[in-house]
């Protein structure tokens, strides 16, 4: 999927060189031993002192990301994040301009409401996502406004968030860094202690084994 919006221009030529950014595309795990860093702007859950850090690069409009959220994230959160075993980081890797607009609404909310709004976006993709037939910009906007209002914002507040360009550079920088550092071409992509585990809706049992193995190494 091409990146056409003004705030998604950064990294465009590199994306063209490696191919389309895809939702749910399966990738071979990268074992090159890459590092990672936690950014002040990251949205996180769990134990920041944990030696096991899981970074998810996802797009709000990605059906595979929504499937992971619905089918696997609840158990991941209950068994590994809420228990303090791991530190979880969520980063947007936009597939289209609509992802940026959705992210800017999420960032307008109090930080402790961020993940609940991301969950709302995933569970209601048919209301605003072009992959579910919402083709017109007006239809996407109306869907996002509706979700923003469900989250407690007024229509004018949602509009102001979506047109705020202050977040655009940060969104681009995070996505471009993810692309360069980890070779991301699909969402969701999972980075475990700096190593890419591939992309797609990884089943809970598979993810749990990856985490358990990494936890054992860190003892």
C-alpha atoms as a PDB file:
ATOM      1  CA  UNK A   1       0.000   0.000   0.000  1.00  0.00           C
ATOM      2  CA  UNK A   2       1.501   3.322  -1.004  1.00  0.00           C
ATOM      3  CA  UNK A   3       1.941   6.231   1.362  1.00  0.00           C
ATOM      4  CA  UNK A   4       0.301   9.221  -0.253  1.00  0.00           C
ATOM      5  CA  UNK A   5      -0.517  11.712   2.485  1.00  0.00           C
ATOM      6  CA  UNK A   6       1.774  14.720   3.147  1.00  0.00           C
ATOM      7  CA  UNK A   7       2.737  13.578   6.631  1.00  0.00           C
ATOM      8  CA  UNK A   8       3.730  10.160   5.316  1.00  0.00           C
ATOM      9  CA  UNK A   9       6.217  11.403   2.756  1.00  0.00           C
ATOM     10  CA  UNK A  10       9.264  10.547   4.891  1.00  0.00           C
ATOM     11  CA  UNK A  11      10.593   7.123   3.990  1.00  0.00           C
ATOM     12  CA  UNK A  12       8.440   6.843   0.867  1.00  0.00           C
ATOM     13  CA  UNK A  13      11.296   6.159  -1.544  1.00  0.00           C
ATOM     14  CA  UNK A  14      12.727   3.505   0.748  1.00  0.00           C
ATOM     15  CA  UNK A  15       9.339   1.826   0.908  1.00  0.00           C
ATOM     16  CA  UNK A  16       9.096   1.820  -2.865  1.00  0.00           C
ATOM     17  CA  UNK A  17      12.528   0.223  -3.027  1.00  0.00           C
ATOM     18  CA  UNK A  18      11.621  -2.687  -0.754  1.00  0.00           C
ATOM     19  CA  UNK A  19       8.031  -3.124  -1.875  1.00  0.00           C
ATOM     20  CA  UNK A  20       4.593  -2.366  -0.482  1.00  0.00           C
ATOM     21  CA  UNK A  21       3.870  -2.044   3.190  1.00  0.00           C
ATOM     22  CA  UNK A  22       1.334  -4.726   3.940  1.00  0.00           C
ATOM     23  CA  UNK A  23      -1.086  -5.684   6.665  1.00  0.00           C
ATOM     24  CA  UNK A  24      -0.561  -9.219   7.933  1.00  0.00           C
ATOM     25  CA  UNK A  25       2.364 -10.014   5.651  1.00  0.00           C
ATOM     26  CA  UNK A  26       4.471 -12.862   7.012  1.00  0.00           C
ATOM     27  CA  UNK A  27       8.187 -12.175   7.367  1.00  0.00           C
ATOM     28  CA  UNK A  28      11.192 -14.336   8.208  1.00  0.00           C
ATOM     29  CA  UNK A  29      12.442 -13.517  11.718  1.00  0.00           C
ATOM     30  CA  UNK A  30      15.488 -11.276  11.755  1.00  0.00           C
ATOM     31  CA  UNK A  31      18.256 -12.627  13.983  1.00  0.00           C
ATOM     32  CA  UNK A  32      20.842  -9.942  13.292  1.00  0.00           C
ATOM     33  CA  UNK A  33      20.985  -8.867  16.951  1.00  0.00           C
ATOM     34  CA  UNK A  34      19.622  -5.375  16.574  1.00  0.00           C
ATOM     35  CA  UNK A  35      19.151  -3.073  19.520  1.00  0.00           C
ATOM     36  CA  UNK A  36      16.167  -1.069  20.686  1.00  0.00           C
ATOM     37  CA  UNK A  37      15.404   2.042  22.692  1.00  0.00           C
ATOM     38  CA  UNK A  38      12.351   3.271  24.566  1.00  0.00           C
ATOM     39  CA  UNK A  39      11.227   6.724  23.469  1.00  0.00           C
ATOM     40  CA  UNK A  40       9.679   9.324  25.783  1.00  0.00           C
ATOM     41  CA  UNK A  41       6.716   9.500  23.397  1.00  0.00           C
ATOM     42  CA  UNK A  42       6.100   5.737  23.407  1.00  0.00           C
ATOM     43  CA  UNK A  43       2.816   4.386  24.711  1.00  0.00           C
ATOM     44  CA  UNK A  44       3.644   1.519  27.031  1.00  0.00           C
ATOM     45  CA  UNK A  45       2.223  -1.037  29.450  1.00  0.00           C
ATOM     46  CA  UNK A  46       3.776  -3.292  32.061  1.00  0.00           C
ATOM     47  CA  UNK A  47       7.036  -3.258  33.965  1.00  0.00           C
ATOM     48  CA  UNK A  48       9.565  -0.691  32.680  1.00  0.00           C
ATOM     49  CA  UNK A  49      12.281  -2.478  34.694  1.00  0.00           C
ATOM     50  CA  UNK A  50      11.714  -5.806  32.974  1.00  0.00           C
ATOM     51  CA  UNK A  51      14.610  -7.186  30.956  1.00  0.00           C
ATOM     52  CA  UNK A  52      12.154  -8.418  28.323  1.00  0.00           C
ATOM     53  CA  UNK A  53      10.763  -5.721  26.039  1.00  0.00           C
ATOM     54  CA  UNK A  54       8.169  -6.448  23.369  1.00  0.00           C
ATOM     55  CA  UNK A  55       7.553  -3.727  20.780  1.00  0.00           C
ATOM     56  CA  UNK A  56       4.559  -4.028  18.484  1.00  0.00           C
ATOM     57  CA  UNK A  57       4.509  -1.981  15.285  1.00  0.00           C
ATOM     58  CA  UNK A  58       0.900  -1.855  14.113  1.00  0.00           C
ATOM     59  CA  UNK A  59      -1.535   0.164  12.016  1.00  0.00           C
ATOM     60  CA  UNK A  60      -4.962   1.090  13.307  1.00  0.00           C
ATOM     61  CA  UNK A  61      -6.546   0.212   9.946  1.00  0.00           C
ATOM     62  CA  UNK A  62      -4.829  -3.187   9.686  1.00  0.00           C
ATOM     63  CA  UNK A  63      -7.266  -6.155   9.978  1.00  0.00           C
ATOM     64  CA  UNK A  64      -4.465  -8.528  11.056  1.00  0.00           C
ATOM     65  CA  UNK A  65      -3.568  -6.097  13.856  1.00  0.00           C
ATOM     66  CA  UNK A  66      -7.211  -6.016  14.918  1.00  0.00           C
ATOM     67  CA  UNK A  67      -7.307  -9.812  14.862  1.00  0.00           C
ATOM     68  CA  UNK A  68      -4.237 -10.012  17.114  1.00  0.00           C
ATOM     69  CA  UNK A  69      -5.829  -7.472  19.437  1.00  0.00           C
ATOM     70  CA  UNK A  70      -9.056  -9.478  19.645  1.00  0.00           C
ATOM     71  CA  UNK A  71      -7.696 -13.019  19.692  1.00  0.00           C
ATOM     72  CA  UNK A  72      -4.385 -12.817  21.519  1.00  0.00           C
ATOM     73  CA  UNK A  73      -3.634  -9.502  23.197  1.00  0.00           C
ATOM     74  CA  UNK A  74      -5.985 -10.027  26.143  1.00  0.00           C
ATOM     75  CA  UNK A  75      -4.166 -13.150  27.291  1.00  0.00           C
ATOM     76  CA  UNK A  76      -0.785 -11.570  26.555  1.00  0.00           C
ATOM     77  CA  UNK A  77      -1.720  -8.618  28.740  1.00  0.00           C
ATOM     78  CA  UNK A  78      -3.126 -10.736  31.558  1.00  0.00           C
ATOM     79  CA  UNK A  79      -0.281 -13.259  31.696  1.00  0.00           C
ATOM     80  CA  UNK A  80       2.801 -11.221  30.810  1.00  0.00           C
ATOM     81  CA  UNK A  81       2.118  -7.470  30.935  1.00  0.00           C
ATOM     82  CA  UNK A  82      -0.112  -7.079  33.984  1.00  0.00           C
ATOM     83  CA  UNK A  83       2.037  -9.551  35.928  1.00  0.00           C
ATOM     84  CA  UNK A  84       5.123  -7.399  35.364  1.00  0.00           C
ATOM     85  CA  UNK A  85       7.014 -10.061  33.433  1.00  0.00           C
ATOM     86  CA  UNK A  86       7.521  -7.895  30.330  1.00  0.00           C
ATOM     87  CA  UNK A  87       7.461  -4.302  29.172  1.00  0.00           C
ATOM     88  CA  UNK A  88       5.165  -3.736  26.175  1.00  0.00           C
ATOM     89  CA  UNK A  89       5.512  -0.875  23.695  1.00  0.00           C
ATOM     90  CA  UNK A  90       2.964  -0.006  20.993  1.00  0.00           C
ATOM     91  CA  UNK A  91       4.123   2.012  17.981  1.00  0.00           C
ATOM     92  CA  UNK A  92       2.170   3.135  14.959  1.00  0.00           C
ATOM     93  CA  UNK A  93       3.494   2.015  11.581  1.00  0.00           C
ATOM     94  CA  UNK A  94       0.976   3.736   9.270  1.00  0.00           C
ATOM     95  CA  UNK A  95      -0.194   2.058   6.099  1.00  0.00           C
ATOM     96  CA  UNK A  96      -2.189   5.078   4.934  1.00  0.00           C
ATOM     97  CA  UNK A  97      -3.062   8.637   5.945  1.00  0.00           C
ATOM     98  CA  UNK A  98      -6.116   7.449   7.874  1.00  0.00           C
ATOM     99  CA  UNK A  99      -3.842   5.703  10.384  1.00  0.00           C
ATOM    100  CA  UNK A 100      -2.168   8.999  11.142  1.00  0.00           C
ATOM    101  CA  UNK A 101      -5.507  10.724  11.662  1.00  0.00           C
ATOM    102  CA  UNK A 102      -6.633   7.959  14.030  1.00  0.00           C
ATOM    103  CA  UNK A 103      -3.350   8.116  15.942  1.00  0.00           C
ATOM    104  CA  UNK A 104      -3.648  11.872  16.387  1.00  0.00           C
ATOM    105  CA  UNK A 105      -7.095  11.444  17.921  1.00  0.00           C
ATOM    106  CA  UNK A 106      -5.700   8.799  20.284  1.00  0.00           C
ATOM    107  CA  UNK A 107      -2.867  11.128  21.257  1.00  0.00           C
ATOM    108  CA  UNK A 108      -5.333  13.899  22.079  1.00  0.00           C
ATOM    109  CA  UNK A 109      -6.879  11.777  24.798  1.00  0.00           C
ATOM    110  CA  UNK A 110      -5.332  11.449  28.273  1.00  0.00           C
ATOM    111  CA  UNK A 111      -2.433   9.005  28.115  1.00  0.00           C
ATOM    112  CA  UNK A 112      -4.254   6.472  30.290  1.00  0.00           C
ATOM    113  CA  UNK A 113      -7.056   6.386  27.697  1.00  0.00           C
ATOM    114  CA  UNK A 114      -4.761   5.701  24.746  1.00  0.00           C
ATOM    115  CA  UNK A 115      -4.958   1.904  24.695  1.00  0.00           C
ATOM    116  CA  UNK A 116      -8.689   1.798  25.227  1.00  0.00           C
ATOM    117  CA  UNK A 117      -9.117   4.044  22.188  1.00  0.00           C
ATOM    118  CA  UNK A 118      -6.769   1.893  20.104  1.00  0.00           C
ATOM    119  CA  UNK A 119      -8.938  -1.087  21.084  1.00  0.00           C
ATOM    120  CA  UNK A 120     -12.002   0.919  20.020  1.00  0.00           C
ATOM    121  CA  UNK A 121     -10.384   1.646  16.645  1.00  0.00           C
ATOM    122  CA  UNK A 122      -9.552  -2.012  16.075  1.00  0.00           C
ATOM    123  CA  UNK A 123     -12.984  -3.300  17.072  1.00  0.00           C
ATOM    124  CA  UNK A 124     -14.783  -0.766  14.910  1.00  0.00           C
ATOM    125  CA  UNK A 125     -12.706  -0.873  11.714  1.00  0.00           C
ATOM    126  CA  UNK A 126     -15.851  -1.430   9.562  1.00  0.00           C
ATOM    127  CA  UNK A 127     -17.040   2.045  10.588  1.00  0.00           C
ATOM    128  CA  UNK A 128     -13.990   3.915   9.255  1.00  0.00           C
ATOM    129  CA  UNK A 129     -11.534   1.619   7.449  1.00  0.00           C
ATOM    130  CA  UNK A 130     -11.231   1.585   3.651  1.00  0.00           C
ATOM    131  CA  UNK A 131     -10.519  -2.155   3.761  1.00  0.00           C
ATOM    132  CA  UNK A 132     -14.118  -2.597   4.888  1.00  0.00           C
ATOM    133  CA  UNK A 133     -15.570  -0.524   2.051  1.00  0.00           C
ATOM    134  CA  UNK A 134     -15.443   2.950   3.610  1.00  0.00           C
ATOM    135  CA  UNK A 135     -14.017   4.516   0.468  1.00  0.00           C
ATOM    136  CA  UNK A 136     -14.663   8.244   0.673  1.00  0.00           C
ATOM    137  CA  UNK A 137     -12.603  10.626   2.847  1.00  0.00           C
ATOM    138  CA  UNK A 138     -15.904  11.895   4.222  1.00  0.00           C
ATOM    139  CA  UNK A 139     -16.876   8.378   5.296  1.00  0.00           C
ATOM    140  CA  UNK A 140     -13.533   7.797   7.021  1.00  0.00           C
ATOM    141  CA  UNK A 141     -13.804  11.162   8.764  1.00  0.00           C
ATOM    142  CA  UNK A 142     -17.348  10.463   9.918  1.00  0.00           C
ATOM    143  CA  UNK A 143     -16.316   7.106  11.350  1.00  0.00           C
ATOM    144  CA  UNK A 144     -13.365   8.569  13.231  1.00  0.00           C
ATOM    145  CA  UNK A 145     -15.495  11.424  14.560  1.00  0.00           C
ATOM    146  CA  UNK A 146     -18.034   8.873  15.802  1.00  0.00           C
ATOM    147  CA  UNK A 147     -15.336   6.924  17.660  1.00  0.00           C
ATOM    148  CA  UNK A 148     -13.871  10.115  19.073  1.00  0.00           C
ATOM    149  CA  UNK A 149     -17.271  11.053  20.423  1.00  0.00           C
ATOM    150  CA  UNK A 150     -17.669   7.600  21.971  1.00  0.00           C
ATOM    151  CA  UNK A 151     -14.364   8.286  23.726  1.00  0.00           C
ATOM    152  CA  UNK A 152     -15.787  11.513  25.163  1.00  0.00           C
ATOM    153  CA  UNK A 153     -14.617  14.149  22.688  1.00  0.00           C
ATOM    154  CA  UNK A 154     -16.749  16.642  20.813  1.00  0.00           C
ATOM    155  CA  UNK A 155     -16.818  16.683  17.015  1.00  0.00           C
ATOM    156  CA  UNK A 156     -14.860  19.946  16.955  1.00  0.00           C
ATOM    157  CA  UNK A 157     -12.223  18.484  19.272  1.00  0.00           C
ATOM    158  CA  UNK A 158     -11.817  15.446  17.027  1.00  0.00           C
ATOM    159  CA  UNK A 159     -11.500  17.689  13.984  1.00  0.00           C
ATOM    160  CA  UNK A 160      -8.842  19.809  15.674  1.00  0.00           C
ATOM    161  CA  UNK A 161      -6.878  16.704  16.576  1.00  0.00           C
ATOM    162  CA  UNK A 162      -6.944  15.320  13.033  1.00  0.00           C
ATOM    163  CA  UNK A 163      -5.701  18.550  11.437  1.00  0.00           C
ATOM    164  CA  UNK A 164      -2.961  19.103  14.018  1.00  0.00           C
ATOM    165  CA  UNK A 165       0.324  18.798  12.104  1.00  0.00           C
ATOM    166  CA  UNK A 166       2.533  18.836  15.207  1.00  0.00           C
ATOM    167  CA  UNK A 167       2.357  15.013  15.458  1.00  0.00           C
ATOM    168  CA  UNK A 168       3.179  14.359  11.816  1.00  0.00           C
ATOM    169  CA  UNK A 169       6.961  14.552  12.156  1.00  0.00           C
ATOM    170  CA  UNK A 170       6.957  12.226  15.156  1.00  0.00           C
ATOM    171  CA  UNK A 171       4.742   9.682  13.376  1.00  0.00           C
ATOM    172  CA  UNK A 172       7.035   9.729  10.356  1.00  0.00           C
ATOM    173  CA  UNK A 173      10.190   9.439  12.432  1.00  0.00           C
ATOM    174  CA  UNK A 174       8.947   6.425  14.389  1.00  0.00           C
ATOM    175  CA  UNK A 175       7.827   4.631  11.222  1.00  0.00           C
ATOM    176  CA  UNK A 176      11.001   5.428   9.303  1.00  0.00           C
ATOM    177  CA  UNK A 177      13.193   4.283  12.185  1.00  0.00           C
ATOM    178  CA  UNK A 178      11.240   1.034  12.422  1.00  0.00           C
ATOM    179  CA  UNK A 179      11.649   0.462   8.709  1.00  0.00           C
ATOM    180  CA  UNK A 180      15.391   1.131   8.735  1.00  0.00           C
ATOM    181  CA  UNK A 181      16.205  -0.603  12.004  1.00  0.00           C
ATOM    182  CA  UNK A 182      14.049  -3.712  11.635  1.00  0.00           C
ATOM    183  CA  UNK A 183      13.193  -3.881   7.937  1.00  0.00           C
ATOM    184  CA  UNK A 184       9.470  -3.680   8.635  1.00  0.00           C
ATOM    185  CA  UNK A 185       7.274  -4.291   5.600  1.00  0.00           C
ATOM    186  CA  UNK A 186       4.118  -5.615   7.260  1.00  0.00           C
ATOM    187  CA  UNK A 187       1.933  -5.112  10.300  1.00  0.00           C
ATOM    188  CA  UNK A 188       1.755  -6.148  13.008  1.00  0.00           C
ATOM    189  CA  UNK A 189       5.496  -6.704  13.439  1.00  0.00           C
ATOM    190  CA  UNK A 190       6.865  -7.739  16.833  1.00  0.00           C
ATOM    191  CA  UNK A 191      10.315  -6.841  18.132  1.00  0.00           C
ATOM    192  CA  UNK A 192      11.495  -8.857  21.130  1.00  0.00           C
ATOM    193  CA  UNK A 193      14.547  -7.398  22.891  1.00  0.00           C
ATOM    194  CA  UNK A 194      15.660  -5.820  19.647  1.00  0.00           C
ATOM    195  CA  UNK A 195      15.089  -8.838  17.410  1.00  0.00           C
ATOM    196  CA  UNK A 196      12.259  -8.969  14.887  1.00  0.00           C
ATOM    197  CA  UNK A 197      10.014 -12.004  15.349  1.00  0.00           C
ATOM    198  CA  UNK A 198       8.269 -11.417  12.028  1.00  0.00           C
ATOM    199  CA  UNK A 199       4.882  -9.988  11.183  1.00  0.00           C
ATOM    200  CA  UNK A 200       1.312 -11.191  11.178  1.00  0.00           C
ATOM    201  CA  UNK A 201      -1.246 -12.335  13.724  1.00  0.00           C
ATOM    202  CA  UNK A 202       1.120 -14.471  15.800  1.00  0.00           C
ATOM    203  CA  UNK A 203      -0.925 -16.992  17.838  1.00  0.00           C
ATOM    204  CA  UNK A 204      -0.867 -16.582  21.599  1.00  0.00           C
ATOM    205  CA  UNK A 205       0.833 -19.934  22.232  1.00  0.00           C
ATOM    206  CA  UNK A 206       3.630 -19.048  19.822  1.00  0.00           C
ATOM    207  CA  UNK A 207       4.069 -15.616  21.366  1.00  0.00           C
ATOM    208  CA  UNK A 208       4.046 -17.091  24.878  1.00  0.00           C
ATOM    209  CA  UNK A 209       6.837 -19.511  23.954  1.00  0.00           C
ATOM    210  CA  UNK A 210       8.932 -16.676  22.536  1.00  0.00           C
ATOM    211  CA  UNK A 211       8.444 -14.668  25.717  1.00  0.00           C
ATOM    212  CA  UNK A 212       9.092 -17.615  28.028  1.00  0.00           C
ATOM    213  CA  UNK A 213      12.320 -18.441  26.213  1.00  0.00           C
ATOM    214  CA  UNK A 214      13.481 -14.844  26.449  1.00  0.00           C
ATOM    215  CA  UNK A 215      12.524 -14.611  30.118  1.00  0.00           C
ATOM    216  CA  UNK A 216      14.538 -17.749  30.825  1.00  0.00           C
ATOM    217  CA  UNK A 217      17.594 -16.220  29.130  1.00  0.00           C
ATOM    218  CA  UNK A 218      17.367 -13.122  31.299  1.00  0.00           C
ATOM    219  CA  UNK A 219      17.372 -14.947  34.660  1.00  0.00           C
END
